[in-house]
């Protein structure tokens, strides 16, 4: 009987690891192919598209990094991304704190109204967005990209942070008030440091969403000096459509910042998603 249970447990582990390996291959094979292809010449890529580069050729990267166009698009993407992440974290954390730690009339109704935003992606309301941005005079500015991304990112992030804030023991808040803390002091000095894993997870989600956004910048940004990297990828592909390795190098450089940021914040993200919050 014991041997049967051990065999069943091992088979269960084997099945789980098999599924995880399949998903890992689905994710990493295209990424590895992208990097390998960016380190080849056009002839090598046409002859051996899936083999490791031999020798490694850095000419594609050096050519892209020597152009002012790439650095200008990188600057625009960073401005939009930083503005979006700061706005999303600031407003969603304040709103989540109110919904988690305060009591007022209509709180449940208002929270349910905010969660309806989960049903509407940013592109579904693109026409009223464009009309409103034009009336505000924000077209062809970074605000036209940052503000809508903040607005449409609040619902999901408030939901994440609210659950984390609710799990903080109420006794901790009472003790802070006894020591002379105001409500904002408790939020800023105690709750925010404790919620660092959840805030890190929210920041990464907002960063990835903002960095990869294409349709909204395509609609509202007309000046090439304000184009973000997704728009630049479209232009680069149209200009160098026959040079696939050069395009792959541009795409690799475009996604590199998000990958670097994710690996740097991985511990905080995993902690926020698995540990939940402090238990009273």
Protein backbone atom coordinates (compact mmCIF):
# COMPACT_ATOMS: atom_id res chain seq x y z
CA UNK A 1 0.00 0.00 0.00
CA UNK A 2 2.82 2.40 0.91
CA UNK A 3 4.67 1.47 -2.29
CA UNK A 4 1.51 2.15 -4.31
CA UNK A 5 1.09 5.61 -2.76
CA UNK A 6 4.74 6.46 -3.48
CA UNK A 7 4.40 5.32 -7.09
CA UNK A 8 1.24 7.36 -7.51
CA UNK A 9 2.93 10.43 -6.03
CA UNK A 10 5.96 10.04 -8.32
CA UNK A 11 3.70 9.67 -11.36
CA UNK A 12 1.83 12.79 -10.32
CA UNK A 13 5.10 14.73 -10.02
CA UNK A 14 6.24 13.38 -13.38
CA UNK A 15 3.02 14.54 -15.01
CA UNK A 16 3.29 18.00 -13.46
CA UNK A 17 6.93 18.45 -14.47
CA UNK A 18 6.14 17.26 -18.00
CA UNK A 19 3.47 19.93 -18.35
CA UNK A 20 5.80 22.59 -16.96
CA UNK A 21 8.58 21.59 -19.36
CA UNK A 22 6.19 21.78 -22.32
CA UNK A 23 5.06 25.27 -21.33
CA UNK A 24 8.68 26.36 -20.77
CA UNK A 25 9.61 25.17 -24.26
CA UNK A 26 6.62 27.01 -25.78
CA UNK A 27 7.81 30.22 -24.10
CA UNK A 28 11.58 29.95 -24.51
CA UNK A 29 11.95 28.43 -27.98
CA UNK A 30 10.69 31.57 -29.78
CA UNK A 31 12.85 33.77 -27.51
CA UNK A 32 15.98 31.69 -28.15
CA UNK A 33 15.23 31.65 -31.89
CA UNK A 34 14.89 35.43 -31.79
CA UNK A 35 18.28 35.88 -30.11
CA UNK A 36 20.02 33.32 -32.32
CA UNK A 37 18.62 34.93 -35.47
CA UNK A 38 19.75 38.40 -34.42
CA UNK A 39 23.36 37.19 -34.23
CA UNK A 40 23.54 35.96 -37.83
CA UNK A 41 23.86 37.43 -41.28
CA UNK A 42 21.00 37.28 -43.76
CA UNK A 43 22.57 34.34 -45.58
CA UNK A 44 23.16 32.38 -42.39
CA UNK A 45 19.63 33.02 -41.18
CA UNK A 46 18.15 31.90 -44.51
CA UNK A 47 20.22 28.69 -44.50
CA UNK A 48 20.18 27.80 -40.79
CA UNK A 49 17.37 29.76 -39.06
CA UNK A 50 17.16 27.58 -35.91
CA UNK A 51 20.80 26.68 -35.28
CA UNK A 52 23.05 28.58 -32.85
CA UNK A 53 25.13 31.28 -34.55
CA UNK A 54 28.64 30.21 -35.44
CA UNK A 55 30.45 32.55 -35.35
CA UNK A 56 28.50 35.10 -33.29
CA UNK A 57 28.08 38.34 -35.21
CA UNK A 58 27.40 41.55 -33.29
CA UNK A 59 27.19 43.81 -36.34
CA UNK A 60 23.40 44.05 -36.19
CA UNK A 61 23.45 45.30 -32.61
CA UNK A 62 26.31 47.70 -33.17
CA UNK A 63 24.51 49.20 -36.18
CA UNK A 64 21.27 49.76 -34.23
CA UNK A 65 23.03 51.16 -31.17
CA UNK A 66 24.94 53.61 -33.35
CA UNK A 67 21.73 55.27 -34.60
CA UNK A 68 20.04 58.18 -32.86
CA UNK A 69 16.61 56.84 -33.85
CA UNK A 70 16.82 53.88 -31.48
CA UNK A 71 17.94 55.98 -28.53
CA UNK A 72 15.17 58.50 -29.15
CA UNK A 73 12.55 55.76 -29.19
CA UNK A 74 14.07 54.22 -26.08
CA UNK A 75 13.83 57.58 -24.31
CA UNK A 76 10.17 57.96 -25.31
CA UNK A 77 9.35 54.44 -24.12
CA UNK A 78 11.08 55.10 -20.79
CA UNK A 79 9.20 58.38 -20.28
CA UNK A 80 5.86 56.73 -20.99
CA UNK A 81 6.66 53.66 -18.93
CA UNK A 82 7.95 55.53 -15.87
CA UNK A 83 5.01 57.95 -15.93
CA UNK A 84 2.52 55.10 -16.23
CA UNK A 85 4.09 52.97 -13.49
CA UNK A 86 4.35 55.87 -11.04
CA UNK A 87 0.76 56.94 -11.71
CA UNK A 88 -0.65 53.42 -11.49
CA UNK A 89 1.19 52.57 -8.25
CA UNK A 90 0.38 55.93 -6.61
CA UNK A 91 -3.34 56.09 -7.39
CA UNK A 92 -4.10 52.37 -7.10
CA UNK A 93 -2.32 52.06 -3.74
CA UNK A 94 -4.20 55.05 -2.30
CA UNK A 95 -7.53 53.78 -3.60
CA UNK A 96 -6.82 50.23 -2.41
CA UNK A 97 -5.94 51.56 1.04
CA UNK A 98 -9.27 53.39 1.27
CA UNK A 99 -11.27 50.36 0.12
CA UNK A 100 -9.37 47.99 2.42
CA UNK A 101 -9.00 49.97 5.65
CA UNK A 102 -11.86 52.52 5.68
CA UNK A 103 -15.60 52.29 6.13
CA UNK A 104 -17.99 54.67 4.40
CA UNK A 105 -21.42 54.58 2.84
CA UNK A 106 -21.51 53.11 -0.65
CA UNK A 107 -18.03 51.58 -0.45
CA UNK A 108 -19.11 48.20 -1.82
CA UNK A 109 -21.10 49.79 -4.64
CA UNK A 110 -18.22 52.05 -5.62
CA UNK A 111 -15.74 49.18 -5.51
CA UNK A 112 -17.98 47.00 -7.68
CA UNK A 113 -18.27 49.90 -10.12
CA UNK A 114 -14.48 50.15 -10.35
CA UNK A 115 -14.09 46.43 -10.95
CA UNK A 116 -16.29 46.75 -14.04
CA UNK A 117 -13.21 48.33 -15.63
CA UNK A 118 -11.69 44.84 -15.79
CA UNK A 119 -14.16 44.05 -18.57
CA UNK A 120 -13.02 46.90 -20.81
CA UNK A 121 -9.49 46.95 -22.29
CA UNK A 122 -7.97 50.24 -23.29
CA UNK A 123 -8.51 49.72 -27.01
CA UNK A 124 -12.25 49.17 -26.75
CA UNK A 125 -12.82 52.82 -25.81
CA UNK A 126 -10.30 54.25 -28.24
CA UNK A 127 -12.78 56.55 -30.02
CA UNK A 128 -14.01 58.46 -26.93
CA UNK A 129 -10.41 58.49 -25.68
CA UNK A 130 -9.24 60.15 -28.87
CA UNK A 131 -12.05 62.74 -28.79
CA UNK A 132 -11.34 63.60 -25.15
CA UNK A 133 -7.58 63.85 -25.72
CA UNK A 134 -8.16 66.12 -28.71
CA UNK A 135 -10.42 68.39 -26.68
CA UNK A 136 -7.78 68.59 -23.95
CA UNK A 137 -5.12 69.44 -26.52
CA UNK A 138 -2.97 66.48 -25.51
CA UNK A 139 -2.58 64.84 -28.90
CA UNK A 140 1.01 64.23 -29.96
CA UNK A 141 2.20 64.43 -26.34
CA UNK A 142 3.30 61.85 -23.82
CA UNK A 143 0.29 62.69 -21.63
CA UNK A 144 -1.98 61.26 -24.33
CA UNK A 145 -0.41 57.85 -23.74
CA UNK A 146 0.36 57.99 -20.01
CA UNK A 147 -3.00 59.17 -18.64
CA UNK A 148 -5.22 56.60 -20.45
CA UNK A 149 -2.85 53.80 -19.47
CA UNK A 150 -3.06 54.88 -15.84
CA UNK A 151 -6.85 55.11 -15.97
CA UNK A 152 -7.34 51.67 -17.52
CA UNK A 153 -4.72 50.09 -15.26
CA UNK A 154 -6.36 51.11 -11.98
CA UNK A 155 -9.11 48.49 -11.75
CA UNK A 156 -6.93 45.37 -11.79
CA UNK A 157 -4.22 46.87 -9.60
CA UNK A 158 -6.66 48.17 -7.00
CA UNK A 159 -8.06 44.67 -6.80
CA UNK A 160 -4.58 43.19 -6.23
CA UNK A 161 -3.49 45.72 -3.61
CA UNK A 162 -6.82 45.75 -1.79
CA UNK A 163 -6.56 42.06 -1.01
CA UNK A 164 -3.02 42.54 0.27
CA UNK A 165 -3.94 45.54 2.44
CA UNK A 166 -6.94 43.73 3.93
CA UNK A 167 -4.70 40.95 5.24
CA UNK A 168 -2.61 43.37 7.33
CA UNK A 169 -3.66 42.87 10.98
CA UNK A 170 -5.96 45.57 12.31
CA UNK A 171 -4.05 45.53 15.60
CA UNK A 172 -1.05 46.95 13.75
CA UNK A 173 -3.09 49.95 12.64
CA UNK A 174 -4.49 50.47 16.15
CA UNK A 175 -0.99 50.37 17.62
CA UNK A 176 0.19 52.94 15.07
CA UNK A 177 -2.65 55.30 15.99
CA UNK A 178 -1.82 54.91 19.69
CA UNK A 179 1.79 55.89 18.91
CA UNK A 180 0.56 59.09 17.26
CA UNK A 181 0.49 58.12 13.58
CA UNK A 182 -2.04 59.76 11.32
CA UNK A 183 -3.89 57.76 8.71
CA UNK A 184 -1.46 58.85 5.99
CA UNK A 185 1.53 58.11 8.26
CA UNK A 186 0.26 54.57 8.76
CA UNK A 187 -0.19 54.18 5.02
CA UNK A 188 3.17 55.63 4.02
CA UNK A 189 5.46 54.51 6.86
CA UNK A 190 4.00 51.10 7.72
CA UNK A 191 1.62 49.75 5.10
CA UNK A 192 3.64 50.62 1.98
CA UNK A 193 6.87 48.93 3.23
CA UNK A 194 4.90 45.83 4.22
CA UNK A 195 3.19 45.78 0.84
CA UNK A 196 6.43 46.05 -1.13
CA UNK A 197 6.03 42.60 -2.78
CA UNK A 198 2.52 43.43 -3.98
CA UNK A 199 3.61 46.88 -5.18
CA UNK A 200 6.52 45.27 -7.05
CA UNK A 201 4.12 42.88 -8.78
CA UNK A 202 1.80 45.75 -9.72
CA UNK A 203 4.75 47.78 -11.01
CA UNK A 204 5.97 44.97 -13.25
CA UNK A 205 2.49 44.37 -14.67
CA UNK A 206 2.08 48.09 -15.39
CA UNK A 207 5.56 48.28 -16.91
CA UNK A 208 5.07 45.37 -19.27
CA UNK A 209 1.64 46.62 -20.36
CA UNK A 210 2.94 50.14 -21.00
CA UNK A 211 6.14 49.02 -22.73
CA UNK A 212 4.28 46.77 -25.18
CA UNK A 213 1.39 49.14 -25.94
CA UNK A 214 1.17 49.82 -29.67
CA UNK A 215 -2.30 50.91 -30.74
CA UNK A 216 -2.68 53.95 -28.45
CA UNK A 217 0.73 55.51 -29.30
CA UNK A 218 0.07 54.77 -32.97
CA UNK A 219 -3.15 56.78 -32.77
CA UNK A 220 -2.08 59.78 -30.71
CA UNK A 221 1.65 60.25 -31.43
CA UNK A 222 2.35 61.89 -34.77
CA UNK A 223 5.90 63.22 -34.32
CA UNK A 224 8.62 60.67 -34.96
CA UNK A 225 10.73 62.06 -32.12
CA UNK A 226 8.01 60.91 -29.69
CA UNK A 227 7.55 57.41 -31.10
CA UNK A 228 7.96 54.52 -28.69
CA UNK A 229 9.82 51.31 -29.44
CA UNK A 230 6.75 49.32 -30.62
CA UNK A 231 6.09 52.06 -33.20
CA UNK A 232 9.77 52.04 -34.09
CA UNK A 233 9.63 48.31 -34.68
CA UNK A 234 6.90 48.85 -37.26
CA UNK A 235 8.92 51.55 -39.00
CA UNK A 236 12.11 49.52 -38.81
CA UNK A 237 10.39 46.49 -40.30
CA UNK A 238 9.09 48.57 -43.18
CA UNK A 239 12.49 50.09 -43.84
CA UNK A 240 14.59 46.93 -43.47
CA UNK A 241 12.02 44.28 -44.39
CA UNK A 242 14.56 42.18 -46.29
CA UNK A 243 17.10 42.12 -43.44
CA UNK A 244 15.42 39.77 -40.97
CA UNK A 245 18.41 39.43 -38.57
CA UNK A 246 18.61 43.22 -38.25
CA UNK A 247 14.90 43.36 -37.39
CA UNK A 248 15.34 40.57 -34.84
CA UNK A 249 18.19 42.50 -33.23
CA UNK A 250 15.96 45.58 -32.96
CA UNK A 251 13.18 43.51 -31.37
CA UNK A 252 15.66 41.92 -28.93
CA UNK A 253 16.91 45.32 -27.81
CA UNK A 254 13.30 46.50 -27.46
CA UNK A 255 12.27 43.74 -25.07
CA UNK A 256 15.55 43.62 -23.13
CA UNK A 257 14.62 46.33 -20.55
CA UNK A 258 11.44 44.54 -19.48
CA UNK A 259 13.29 41.24 -19.11
CA UNK A 260 16.06 42.86 -17.07
CA UNK A 261 13.56 44.60 -14.79
CA UNK A 262 11.62 41.37 -14.28
CA UNK A 263 14.69 39.38 -13.29
CA UNK A 264 15.79 42.11 -10.88
CA UNK A 265 12.35 42.20 -9.22
CA UNK A 266 11.63 38.47 -9.47
CA UNK A 267 12.05 37.77 -5.75
CA UNK A 268 9.64 40.55 -4.78
CA UNK A 269 7.11 39.45 -7.39
CA UNK A 270 7.16 35.81 -6.33
CA UNK A 271 6.92 36.83 -2.68
CA UNK A 272 3.93 39.03 -3.40
CA UNK A 273 2.08 36.36 -5.37
CA UNK A 274 2.81 33.40 -3.07
CA UNK A 275 3.13 34.74 0.45
CA UNK A 276 0.02 36.91 0.24
CA UNK A 277 0.36 39.06 3.32
CA UNK A 278 1.00 38.98 7.03
CA UNK A 279 -1.28 36.80 9.08
CA UNK A 280 -2.70 38.20 12.27
